[in-house]
Each structure stands twice: as structure tokens, then as C-alpha cells.
Amino acid sequence: MTDARTDLPQPSLDALAQIARTPRLLVALDFDGTLAPPVDDPEQARAVPEARAAVLALLGLPHTRVALVSGRALDSLEHVADLPDEVLLIGSHGVEIRLDSPDTELTLEPHELVQRDVLSDVLDQVADAVDDVWIEQKPAGFALHTRLATERNSRIAHLVALQEARAEVEDVKVRSGKDVLEFSVRSNTKGEAVEHLRQYTKATAVFYAGDDVTDEDAFLALGAGDFGLKSGAGETAAAHRVAGPAGVARVLAELARLRADHEHPTA
């Protein structure tokens, strides 16, 4: 049996109630596929209204911090999320960090800048040669998008890009996602980002929701007393699952309700 309000079975609902009572809660969320449904144009992505409302409700609670942890470049994440400055932002899988200061933490070494230029040339050639493939610039690398390409063209683009990038750029970091292949000259994971946020916020427990392969590093970084929520299908290390962004929104709304009740219990 699942709870109609949250789409969660009772054991997951019990775990949600437990984390709602933690003294200092960090709610860390992926954006695309988690708060927002997938779209063809990434810059048109928006959180479903119920998810946005739940995030704002959590932001208004004491001893509760909210963070977005995304593979997007930070400027893109800030644009599509359109949330108050109190939300902590992690972009490019942890390469870019914007916490309570308006400044973004990012410093590439000179040799990394050279490697990034080489990557740019390699991937531009792939995109020019294969229909409906395009390149997204990121601070420490690039993302090769194939969502609009045929299955054959997507496969060709991935194979050629992998071969050429690894041949031209020493120790290039590659991440596979949904209809995207990311290349970076610096290695950071969402798991490392979650640990950084945990320490920064002094959280006693972490709620993390994500949908993609790259979110598995974050799920693996969770420990006893934390709560990992997988959005959508696929193998996962997360202990709990919903069907998609609408389900995530319902869980976040219930978390906000439970935490508000804990902070201000009714007589």
C-alpha cells in the first residue's frame, strides 16, 4: 500500500517523518527530471508549480536549508530555477559553488584552460558532422546533447566524441546522462557536493532527490538517518522512489508539512 498524498509506501513515509524531526535539515535537490520535467530546450525547463511551492515552504522553516545540485552550469541553473537567494547552488556537478555569498567559487588552472580549448575544438567538430547534436558550454568542459538526434546519430556522436576526446585530452573526465555525454577537465561528483553542503550547513541529516546516473554518487554519499529519493525508473542506490517530478513535489510538500508540525506542534 502506498500513501495517496505522497506515492510512498509506509516504510518510506516513516523514514520521511523521522528525517523531518532532525535538528538541522539539508534538502538537496537535482533540478532536471527531479523538480522539472525533461524538455527539448534546456533553457525552457521549469520546476512544476507544486515542487516550487514545496521548496518555498521548506525555505520558510527554521533550521532547514535547501540546495540545488545540478550538472548545469551555474548561470543556467540560476535562470531556470528562479528561486530566492537563500537557496544554495551547486553547478557543473560541484565545479561551481554559490553558497551564502554572491560570489561563485571556480578556479581553473592554466593547463586546465588549455585542455578545455582542445575539448572545444574536438566536440565542435563532432557536432558539426552529426545532425541534431549540439554542444553546451560549461565552466570546466562541455556537454554533448543528443536528445533531438536519431538513435543512430546519437550513438555515432557518442562513440566519436569519446574516442577523439580521450585521444586529445589527457585524463578527460566523462559522465553519461540521459541523452547527454559530459566532458570535463576537472573531476567533481554530486556526492562530493553533498558532503561539502553537509559540512557547510552543519546538517544532522540530508534529504536528497535526483533522477539521473550522476545522482547515484549523491545517493551513495548518504548515510544512516538520511533520505534518498529516486525520481523515475532505473537502478538506484536510493532507498525510496517516486515516478517523476510530480511525485517529488508531493514528497517535498509532505516533508515541509511534517517539519512545520514538528517545529510548531498543535495543541
C-alpha atoms as a PDB file:
ATOM      1  CA  MET A   1       0.000   0.000   0.000  1.00  0.00           C
ATOM      2  CA  THR A   2       1.172   3.496  -0.819  1.00  0.00           C
ATOM      3  CA  ASP A   3       0.129   6.757   0.760  1.00  0.00           C
ATOM      4  CA  ALA A   4      -2.097   8.736  -1.644  1.00  0.00           C
ATOM      5  CA  ARG A   5      -0.601  12.070  -0.575  1.00  0.00           C
ATOM      6  CA  THR A   6       3.000  11.104  -1.324  1.00  0.00           C
ATOM      7  CA  ASP A   7       3.032   7.961  -3.526  1.00  0.00           C
ATOM      8  CA  LEU A   8       5.301   6.430  -0.857  1.00  0.00           C
ATOM      9  CA  PRO A   9       4.853   3.061   0.876  1.00  0.00           C
ATOM     10  CA  GLN A  10       4.520   3.159   4.654  1.00  0.00           C
ATOM     11  CA  PRO A  11       8.195   2.353   5.426  1.00  0.00           C
ATOM     12  CA  SER A  12       9.266   5.321   3.253  1.00  0.00           C
ATOM     13  CA  LEU A  13       6.662   7.530   4.883  1.00  0.00           C
ATOM     14  CA  ASP A  14       8.001   6.541   8.314  1.00  0.00           C
ATOM     15  CA  ALA A  15      11.537   7.426   7.201  1.00  0.00           C
ATOM     16  CA  LEU A  16      10.293  10.780   5.921  1.00  0.00           C
ATOM     17  CA  ALA A  17       8.653  11.521   9.272  1.00  0.00           C
ATOM     18  CA  GLN A  18      11.912  10.640  11.009  1.00  0.00           C
ATOM     19  CA  ILE A  19      14.085  12.962   8.928  1.00  0.00           C
ATOM     20  CA  ALA A  20      11.532  15.750   9.374  1.00  0.00           C
ATOM     21  CA  ARG A  21      12.403  15.726  13.085  1.00  0.00           C
ATOM     22  CA  THR A  22      16.170  16.132  12.659  1.00  0.00           C
ATOM     23  CA  PRO A  23      17.621  19.245  14.357  1.00  0.00           C
ATOM     24  CA  ARG A  24      19.282  20.691  11.208  1.00  0.00           C
ATOM     25  CA  LEU A  25      17.971  19.502   7.854  1.00  0.00           C
ATOM     26  CA  LEU A  26      19.603  19.887   4.437  1.00  0.00           C
ATOM     27  CA  VAL A  27      17.265  19.343   1.478  1.00  0.00           C
ATOM     28  CA  ALA A  28      19.448  18.897  -1.611  1.00  0.00           C
ATOM     29  CA  LEU A  29      17.755  18.511  -4.986  1.00  0.00           C
ATOM     30  CA  ASP A  30      18.687  17.837  -8.562  1.00  0.00           C
ATOM     31  CA  PHE A  31      16.683  20.009 -10.973  1.00  0.00           C
ATOM     32  CA  ASP A  32      16.105  18.433 -14.394  1.00  0.00           C
ATOM     33  CA  GLY A  33      13.953  15.316 -14.181  1.00  0.00           C
ATOM     34  CA  THR A  34      13.531  15.846 -10.452  1.00  0.00           C
ATOM     35  CA  LEU A  35      11.849  19.211  -9.952  1.00  0.00           C
ATOM     36  CA  ALA A  36      11.311  19.871 -13.656  1.00  0.00           C
ATOM     37  CA  PRO A  37      10.095  17.509 -16.420  1.00  0.00           C
ATOM     38  CA  PRO A  38      12.533  16.911 -19.315  1.00  0.00           C
ATOM     39  CA  VAL A  39      12.220  19.354 -22.235  1.00  0.00           C
ATOM     40  CA  ASP A  40      13.920  19.612 -25.629  1.00  0.00           C
ATOM     41  CA  ASP A  41      15.318  23.088 -24.914  1.00  0.00           C
ATOM     42  CA  PRO A  42      17.118  23.001 -21.523  1.00  0.00           C
ATOM     43  CA  GLU A  43      16.687  26.755 -21.016  1.00  0.00           C
ATOM     44  CA  GLN A  44      12.893  26.327 -21.103  1.00  0.00           C
ATOM     45  CA  ALA A  45      12.867  23.865 -18.197  1.00  0.00           C
ATOM     46  CA  ARG A  46      10.886  24.942 -15.147  1.00  0.00           C
ATOM     47  CA  ALA A  47      10.001  23.251 -11.890  1.00  0.00           C
ATOM     48  CA  VAL A  48       6.440  22.013 -11.678  1.00  0.00           C
ATOM     49  CA  PRO A  49       4.453  24.583  -9.656  1.00  0.00           C
ATOM     50  CA  GLU A  50       3.835  22.169  -6.793  1.00  0.00           C
ATOM     51  CA  ALA A  51       7.571  21.487  -6.469  1.00  0.00           C
ATOM     52  CA  ARG A  52       8.388  25.182  -6.438  1.00  0.00           C
ATOM     53  CA  ALA A  53       5.730  25.806  -3.788  1.00  0.00           C
ATOM     54  CA  ALA A  54       7.128  22.984  -1.644  1.00  0.00           C
ATOM     55  CA  VAL A  55      10.678  24.331  -1.934  1.00  0.00           C
ATOM     56  CA  LEU A  56       9.485  27.782  -0.859  1.00  0.00           C
ATOM     57  CA  ALA A  57       7.648  26.218   2.092  1.00  0.00           C
ATOM     58  CA  LEU A  58      10.827  24.425   3.184  1.00  0.00           C
ATOM     59  CA  LEU A  59      12.819  27.645   2.833  1.00  0.00           C
ATOM     60  CA  GLY A  60      10.484  29.303   5.305  1.00  0.00           C
ATOM     61  CA  LEU A  61      11.127  26.748   8.037  1.00  0.00           C
ATOM     62  CA  PRO A  62      13.756  27.224  10.774  1.00  0.00           C
ATOM     63  CA  HIS A  63      16.918  25.094  10.839  1.00  0.00           C
ATOM     64  CA  THR A  64      16.249  23.998   7.237  1.00  0.00           C
ATOM     65  CA  ARG A  65      18.483  24.689   4.249  1.00  0.00           C
ATOM     66  CA  VAL A  66      17.653  23.984   0.609  1.00  0.00           C
ATOM     67  CA  ALA A  67      20.252  23.423  -2.122  1.00  0.00           C
ATOM     68  CA  LEU A  68      20.117  22.640  -5.829  1.00  0.00           C
ATOM     69  CA  VAL A  69      22.796  20.221  -7.028  1.00  0.00           C
ATOM     70  CA  SER A  70      22.933  20.096 -10.819  1.00  0.00           C
ATOM     71  CA  GLY A  71      25.090  19.231 -13.776  1.00  0.00           C
ATOM     72  CA  ARG A  72      24.003  22.528 -15.353  1.00  0.00           C
ATOM     73  CA  ALA A  73      26.338  25.483 -15.465  1.00  0.00           C
ATOM     74  CA  LEU A  74      25.520  27.726 -12.526  1.00  0.00           C
ATOM     75  CA  ASP A  75      24.155  30.637 -14.583  1.00  0.00           C
ATOM     76  CA  SER A  76      21.771  28.275 -16.382  1.00  0.00           C
ATOM     77  CA  LEU A  77      20.685  26.675 -13.103  1.00  0.00           C
ATOM     78  CA  GLU A  78      20.000  30.062 -11.549  1.00  0.00           C
ATOM     79  CA  HIS A  79      17.948  31.094 -14.590  1.00  0.00           C
ATOM     80  CA  VAL A  80      15.708  28.031 -14.835  1.00  0.00           C
ATOM     81  CA  ALA A  81      15.241  27.577 -11.080  1.00  0.00           C
ATOM     82  CA  ASP A  82      14.307  31.208 -10.386  1.00  0.00           C
ATOM     83  CA  LEU A  83      14.427  30.739  -6.607  1.00  0.00           C
ATOM     84  CA  PRO A  84      15.343  33.106  -3.749  1.00  0.00           C
ATOM     85  CA  ASP A  85      18.988  33.756  -2.935  1.00  0.00           C
ATOM     86  CA  GLU A  86      18.653  31.667   0.229  1.00  0.00           C
ATOM     87  CA  VAL A  87      18.823  28.534  -1.947  1.00  0.00           C
ATOM     88  CA  LEU A  88      22.399  27.208  -2.101  1.00  0.00           C
ATOM     89  CA  LEU A  89      23.541  26.385  -5.642  1.00  0.00           C
ATOM     90  CA  ILE A  90      25.936  23.720  -6.895  1.00  0.00           C
ATOM     91  CA  GLY A  91      26.532  23.721 -10.653  1.00  0.00           C
ATOM     92  CA  SER A  92      28.554  21.588 -13.057  1.00  0.00           C
ATOM     93  CA  HIS A  93      28.487  18.617 -10.676  1.00  0.00           C
ATOM     94  CA  GLY A  94      30.295  20.591  -7.980  1.00  0.00           C
ATOM     95  CA  VAL A  95      32.783  22.517 -10.102  1.00  0.00           C
ATOM     96  CA  GLU A  96      30.804  25.713  -9.418  1.00  0.00           C
ATOM     97  CA  ILE A  97      29.572  26.576  -5.927  1.00  0.00           C
ATOM     98  CA  ARG A  98      27.490  29.541  -4.801  1.00  0.00           C
ATOM     99  CA  LEU A  99      26.614  29.480  -1.121  1.00  0.00           C
ATOM    100  CA  ASP A 100      25.544  32.436   1.032  1.00  0.00           C
ATOM    101  CA  SER A 101      27.980  34.742  -0.741  1.00  0.00           C
ATOM    102  CA  PRO A 102      27.012  36.086  -4.189  1.00  0.00           C
ATOM    103  CA  ASP A 103      30.455  35.057  -5.425  1.00  0.00           C
ATOM    104  CA  THR A 104      30.947  31.823  -7.352  1.00  0.00           C
ATOM    105  CA  GLU A 105      33.826  29.545  -6.420  1.00  0.00           C
ATOM    106  CA  LEU A 106      35.649  28.380  -9.530  1.00  0.00           C
ATOM    107  CA  THR A 107      39.313  28.444 -10.437  1.00  0.00           C
ATOM    108  CA  LEU A 108      40.734  26.526 -13.376  1.00  0.00           C
ATOM    109  CA  GLU A 109      44.488  26.091 -13.584  1.00  0.00           C
ATOM    110  CA  PRO A 110      46.309  27.272 -16.762  1.00  0.00           C
ATOM    111  CA  HIS A 111      46.763  23.706 -18.037  1.00  0.00           C
ATOM    112  CA  GLU A 112      43.044  23.049 -17.491  1.00  0.00           C
ATOM    113  CA  LEU A 113      42.165  26.087 -19.593  1.00  0.00           C
ATOM    114  CA  VAL A 114      44.346  24.714 -22.413  1.00  0.00           C
ATOM    115  CA  GLN A 115      42.665  21.301 -22.138  1.00  0.00           C
ATOM    116  CA  ARG A 116      39.247  22.944 -22.246  1.00  0.00           C
ATOM    117  CA  ASP A 117      40.143  24.731 -25.500  1.00  0.00           C
ATOM    118  CA  VAL A 118      41.212  21.417 -27.062  1.00  0.00           C
ATOM    119  CA  LEU A 119      37.958  19.804 -25.915  1.00  0.00           C
ATOM    120  CA  SER A 120      36.030  22.652 -27.521  1.00  0.00           C
ATOM    121  CA  ASP A 121      37.649  22.042 -30.892  1.00  0.00           C
ATOM    122  CA  VAL A 122      37.103  18.269 -30.715  1.00  0.00           C
ATOM    123  CA  LEU A 123      33.439  18.419 -29.740  1.00  0.00           C
ATOM    124  CA  ASP A 124      32.585  21.233 -32.142  1.00  0.00           C
ATOM    125  CA  GLN A 125      33.796  19.021 -34.989  1.00  0.00           C
ATOM    126  CA  VAL A 126      31.562  16.174 -33.808  1.00  0.00           C
ATOM    127  CA  ALA A 127      28.511  18.434 -33.534  1.00  0.00           C
ATOM    128  CA  ASP A 128      29.158  19.894 -36.983  1.00  0.00           C
ATOM    129  CA  ALA A 129      29.365  16.416 -38.514  1.00  0.00           C
ATOM    130  CA  VAL A 130      26.245  14.838 -36.961  1.00  0.00           C
ATOM    131  CA  ASP A 131      22.695  16.149 -37.389  1.00  0.00           C
ATOM    132  CA  ASP A 132      20.709  17.366 -34.351  1.00  0.00           C
ATOM    133  CA  VAL A 133      23.676  17.195 -31.983  1.00  0.00           C
ATOM    134  CA  TRP A 134      24.681  20.327 -30.099  1.00  0.00           C
ATOM    135  CA  ILE A 135      27.253  21.423 -27.535  1.00  0.00           C
ATOM    136  CA  GLU A 136      26.541  23.172 -24.241  1.00  0.00           C
ATOM    137  CA  GLN A 137      29.420  25.137 -22.739  1.00  0.00           C
ATOM    138  CA  LYS A 138      30.261  24.580 -19.092  1.00  0.00           C
ATOM    139  CA  PRO A 139      32.953  26.220 -16.961  1.00  0.00           C
ATOM    140  CA  ALA A 140      35.172  23.156 -16.828  1.00  0.00           C
ATOM    141  CA  GLY A 141      34.100  21.448 -20.031  1.00  0.00           C
ATOM    142  CA  PHE A 142      31.180  20.734 -22.343  1.00  0.00           C
ATOM    143  CA  ALA A 143      28.040  18.650 -22.654  1.00  0.00           C
ATOM    144  CA  LEU A 144      27.237  16.843 -25.902  1.00  0.00           C
ATOM    145  CA  HIS A 145      23.423  16.790 -26.243  1.00  0.00           C
ATOM    146  CA  THR A 146      21.744  14.192 -28.462  1.00  0.00           C
ATOM    147  CA  ARG A 147      18.110  14.333 -27.282  1.00  0.00           C
ATOM    148  CA  LEU A 148      16.893  15.528 -30.694  1.00  0.00           C
ATOM    149  CA  ALA A 149      19.100  13.170 -32.726  1.00  0.00           C
ATOM    150  CA  THR A 150      18.126   9.772 -34.117  1.00  0.00           C
ATOM    151  CA  GLU A 151      19.293   6.737 -32.163  1.00  0.00           C
ATOM    152  CA  ARG A 152      21.902   6.029 -34.839  1.00  0.00           C
ATOM    153  CA  ASN A 153      23.247   9.588 -34.898  1.00  0.00           C
ATOM    154  CA  SER A 154      23.315   9.703 -31.113  1.00  0.00           C
ATOM    155  CA  ARG A 155      25.357   6.505 -30.977  1.00  0.00           C
ATOM    156  CA  ILE A 156      27.791   7.765 -33.635  1.00  0.00           C
ATOM    157  CA  ALA A 157      28.223  11.111 -31.893  1.00  0.00           C
ATOM    158  CA  HIS A 158      28.925   9.456 -28.537  1.00  0.00           C
ATOM    159  CA  LEU A 159      31.447   6.989 -29.971  1.00  0.00           C
ATOM    160  CA  VAL A 160      33.359   9.572 -31.983  1.00  0.00           C
ATOM    161  CA  ALA A 161      33.352  12.153 -29.196  1.00  0.00           C
ATOM    162  CA  LEU A 162      34.633   9.633 -26.655  1.00  0.00           C
ATOM    163  CA  GLN A 163      37.369   8.399 -28.967  1.00  0.00           C
ATOM    164  CA  GLU A 164      38.576  11.847 -30.021  1.00  0.00           C
ATOM    165  CA  ALA A 165      38.354  13.453 -26.585  1.00  0.00           C
ATOM    166  CA  ARG A 166      40.305  10.674 -24.907  1.00  0.00           C
ATOM    167  CA  ALA A 167      42.919  10.788 -27.663  1.00  0.00           C
ATOM    168  CA  GLU A 168      43.401  14.566 -27.474  1.00  0.00           C
ATOM    169  CA  VAL A 169      42.872  15.432 -23.791  1.00  0.00           C
ATOM    170  CA  GLU A 170      44.824  13.613 -21.112  1.00  0.00           C
ATOM    171  CA  ASP A 171      42.707  12.442 -18.136  1.00  0.00           C
ATOM    172  CA  VAL A 172      39.490  13.909 -19.535  1.00  0.00           C
ATOM    173  CA  LYS A 173      36.552  13.162 -17.226  1.00  0.00           C
ATOM    174  CA  VAL A 174      33.436  11.727 -18.885  1.00  0.00           C
ATOM    175  CA  ARG A 175      29.929  11.382 -17.410  1.00  0.00           C
ATOM    176  CA  SER A 176      26.967   9.737 -19.110  1.00  0.00           C
ATOM    177  CA  GLY A 177      23.459  11.080 -18.545  1.00  0.00           C
ATOM    178  CA  LYS A 178      20.089  10.932 -20.266  1.00  0.00           C
ATOM    179  CA  ASP A 179      20.723  11.885 -23.909  1.00  0.00           C
ATOM    180  CA  VAL A 180      23.883  13.697 -22.898  1.00  0.00           C
ATOM    181  CA  LEU A 181      27.582  12.974 -22.604  1.00  0.00           C
ATOM    182  CA  GLU A 182      29.594  15.371 -20.446  1.00  0.00           C
ATOM    183  CA  PHE A 183      33.311  16.038 -20.767  1.00  0.00           C
ATOM    184  CA  SER A 184      35.241  17.890 -18.092  1.00  0.00           C
ATOM    185  CA  VAL A 185      38.853  18.773 -17.358  1.00  0.00           C
ATOM    186  CA  ARG A 186      38.151  18.618 -13.636  1.00  0.00           C
ATOM    187  CA  SER A 187      36.660  15.732 -11.690  1.00  0.00           C
ATOM    188  CA  ASN A 188      33.841  16.548  -9.270  1.00  0.00           C
ATOM    189  CA  THR A 189      30.833  14.461  -8.300  1.00  0.00           C
ATOM    190  CA  LYS A 190      27.463  15.203  -6.775  1.00  0.00           C
ATOM    191  CA  GLY A 191      28.495  13.008  -3.865  1.00  0.00           C
ATOM    192  CA  GLU A 192      31.357  15.367  -3.094  1.00  0.00           C
ATOM    193  CA  ALA A 193      28.966  18.299  -3.474  1.00  0.00           C
ATOM    194  CA  VAL A 194      26.541  16.808  -0.944  1.00  0.00           C
ATOM    195  CA  GLU A 195      29.328  16.237   1.557  1.00  0.00           C
ATOM    196  CA  HIS A 196      30.510  19.819   1.093  1.00  0.00           C
ATOM    197  CA  LEU A 197      26.968  21.072   1.693  1.00  0.00           C
ATOM    198  CA  ARG A 198      26.514  18.813   4.710  1.00  0.00           C
ATOM    199  CA  GLN A 199      29.592  20.283   6.359  1.00  0.00           C
ATOM    200  CA  TYR A 200      28.775  23.852   5.347  1.00  0.00           C
ATOM    201  CA  THR A 201      25.225  23.720   6.726  1.00  0.00           C
ATOM    202  CA  LYS A 202      26.163  21.540   9.722  1.00  0.00           C
ATOM    203  CA  ALA A 203      23.224  19.338   8.786  1.00  0.00           C
ATOM    204  CA  THR A 204      22.297  16.492  11.106  1.00  0.00           C
ATOM    205  CA  ALA A 205      20.502  14.749   8.215  1.00  0.00           C
ATOM    206  CA  VAL A 206      20.281  15.111   4.429  1.00  0.00           C
ATOM    207  CA  PHE A 207      17.309  14.624   2.111  1.00  0.00           C
ATOM    208  CA  TYR A 208      18.471  14.161  -1.497  1.00  0.00           C
ATOM    209  CA  ALA A 209      16.317  13.713  -4.605  1.00  0.00           C
ATOM    210  CA  GLY A 210      17.613  13.020  -8.116  1.00  0.00           C
ATOM    211  CA  ASP A 211      16.776  11.162 -11.305  1.00  0.00           C
ATOM    212  CA  ASP A 212      19.930  10.616 -13.330  1.00  0.00           C
ATOM    213  CA  VAL A 213      23.005   8.398 -13.338  1.00  0.00           C
ATOM    214  CA  THR A 214      25.084  11.285 -11.954  1.00  0.00           C
ATOM    215  CA  ASP A 215      22.808  11.460  -8.908  1.00  0.00           C
ATOM    216  CA  GLU A 216      23.911   7.994  -7.841  1.00  0.00           C
ATOM    217  CA  ASP A 217      27.125   9.468  -6.408  1.00  0.00           C
ATOM    218  CA  ALA A 218      24.949  11.630  -4.152  1.00  0.00           C
ATOM    219  CA  PHE A 219      22.810   8.674  -3.086  1.00  0.00           C
ATOM    220  CA  LEU A 220      25.957   6.718  -2.228  1.00  0.00           C
ATOM    221  CA  ALA A 221      27.160   9.629  -0.070  1.00  0.00           C
ATOM    222  CA  LEU A 222      24.074   9.360   2.139  1.00  0.00           C
ATOM    223  CA  GLY A 223      24.253   7.574   5.454  1.00  0.00           C
ATOM    224  CA  ALA A 224      22.052   6.254   8.211  1.00  0.00           C
ATOM    225  CA  GLY A 225      19.355   8.772   9.029  1.00  0.00           C
ATOM    226  CA  ASP A 226      19.498  10.401   5.568  1.00  0.00           C
ATOM    227  CA  PHE A 227      16.792  10.045   2.903  1.00  0.00           C
ATOM    228  CA  GLY A 228      17.473   9.329  -0.779  1.00  0.00           C
ATOM    229  CA  LEU A 229      14.609   9.719  -3.256  1.00  0.00           C
ATOM    230  CA  LYS A 230      14.887   8.443  -6.827  1.00  0.00           C
ATOM    231  CA  SER A 231      12.713  10.203  -9.409  1.00  0.00           C
ATOM    232  CA  GLY A 232      11.713   7.845 -12.213  1.00  0.00           C
ATOM    233  CA  ALA A 233      12.770   4.403 -13.358  1.00  0.00           C
ATOM    234  CA  GLY A 234      16.192   2.751 -13.365  1.00  0.00           C
ATOM    235  CA  GLU A 235      18.563   1.065 -10.975  1.00  0.00           C
ATOM    236  CA  THR A 236      19.461   3.175  -7.974  1.00  0.00           C
ATOM    237  CA  ALA A 237      21.170   3.233  -4.614  1.00  0.00           C
ATOM    238  CA  ALA A 238      18.330   5.383  -3.258  1.00  0.00           C
ATOM    239  CA  ALA A 239      16.108   3.689  -0.697  1.00  0.00           C
ATOM    240  CA  HIS A 240      12.926   5.439  -1.846  1.00  0.00           C
ATOM    241  CA  ARG A 241      11.314   6.135  -5.237  1.00  0.00           C
ATOM    242  CA  VAL A 242       8.520   8.076  -6.965  1.00  0.00           C
ATOM    243  CA  ALA A 243       7.505   8.139 -10.620  1.00  0.00           C
ATOM    244  CA  GLY A 244       8.714  11.652 -11.508  1.00  0.00           C
ATOM    245  CA  PRO A 245       8.691  15.372 -10.673  1.00  0.00           C
ATOM    246  CA  ALA A 246       5.035  15.399  -9.633  1.00  0.00           C
ATOM    247  CA  GLY A 247       5.790  12.674  -7.114  1.00  0.00           C
ATOM    248  CA  VAL A 248       8.874  14.518  -5.875  1.00  0.00           C
ATOM    249  CA  ALA A 249       6.713  17.614  -5.381  1.00  0.00           C
ATOM    250  CA  ARG A 250       4.242  15.660  -3.237  1.00  0.00           C
ATOM    251  CA  VAL A 251       7.023  14.218  -1.087  1.00  0.00           C
ATOM    252  CA  LEU A 252       8.596  17.659  -0.587  1.00  0.00           C
ATOM    253  CA  ALA A 253       5.219  19.124   0.361  1.00  0.00           C
ATOM    254  CA  GLU A 254       4.714  16.362   2.928  1.00  0.00           C
ATOM    255  CA  LEU A 255       8.236  16.874   4.276  1.00  0.00           C
ATOM    256  CA  ALA A 256       7.506  20.581   4.711  1.00  0.00           C
ATOM    257  CA  ARG A 257       4.219  19.786   6.477  1.00  0.00           C
ATOM    258  CA  LEU A 258       5.806  17.236   8.802  1.00  0.00           C
ATOM    259  CA  ARG A 259       8.694  19.538   9.649  1.00  0.00           C
ATOM    260  CA  ALA A 260       6.392  22.501  10.280  1.00  0.00           C
ATOM    261  CA  ASP A 261       4.266  20.345  12.582  1.00  0.00           C
ATOM    262  CA  HIS A 262       7.408  19.270  14.438  1.00  0.00           C
ATOM    263  CA  GLU A 263       8.599  22.857  14.851  1.00  0.00           C
ATOM    264  CA  HIS A 264       5.145  24.178  15.817  1.00  0.00           C
ATOM    265  CA  PRO A 265       3.097  21.259  17.159  1.00  0.00           C
ATOM    266  CA  THR A 266      -0.599  21.863  17.512  1.00  0.00           C
ATOM    267  CA  ALA A 267      -2.169  21.519  20.935  1.00  0.00           C
END
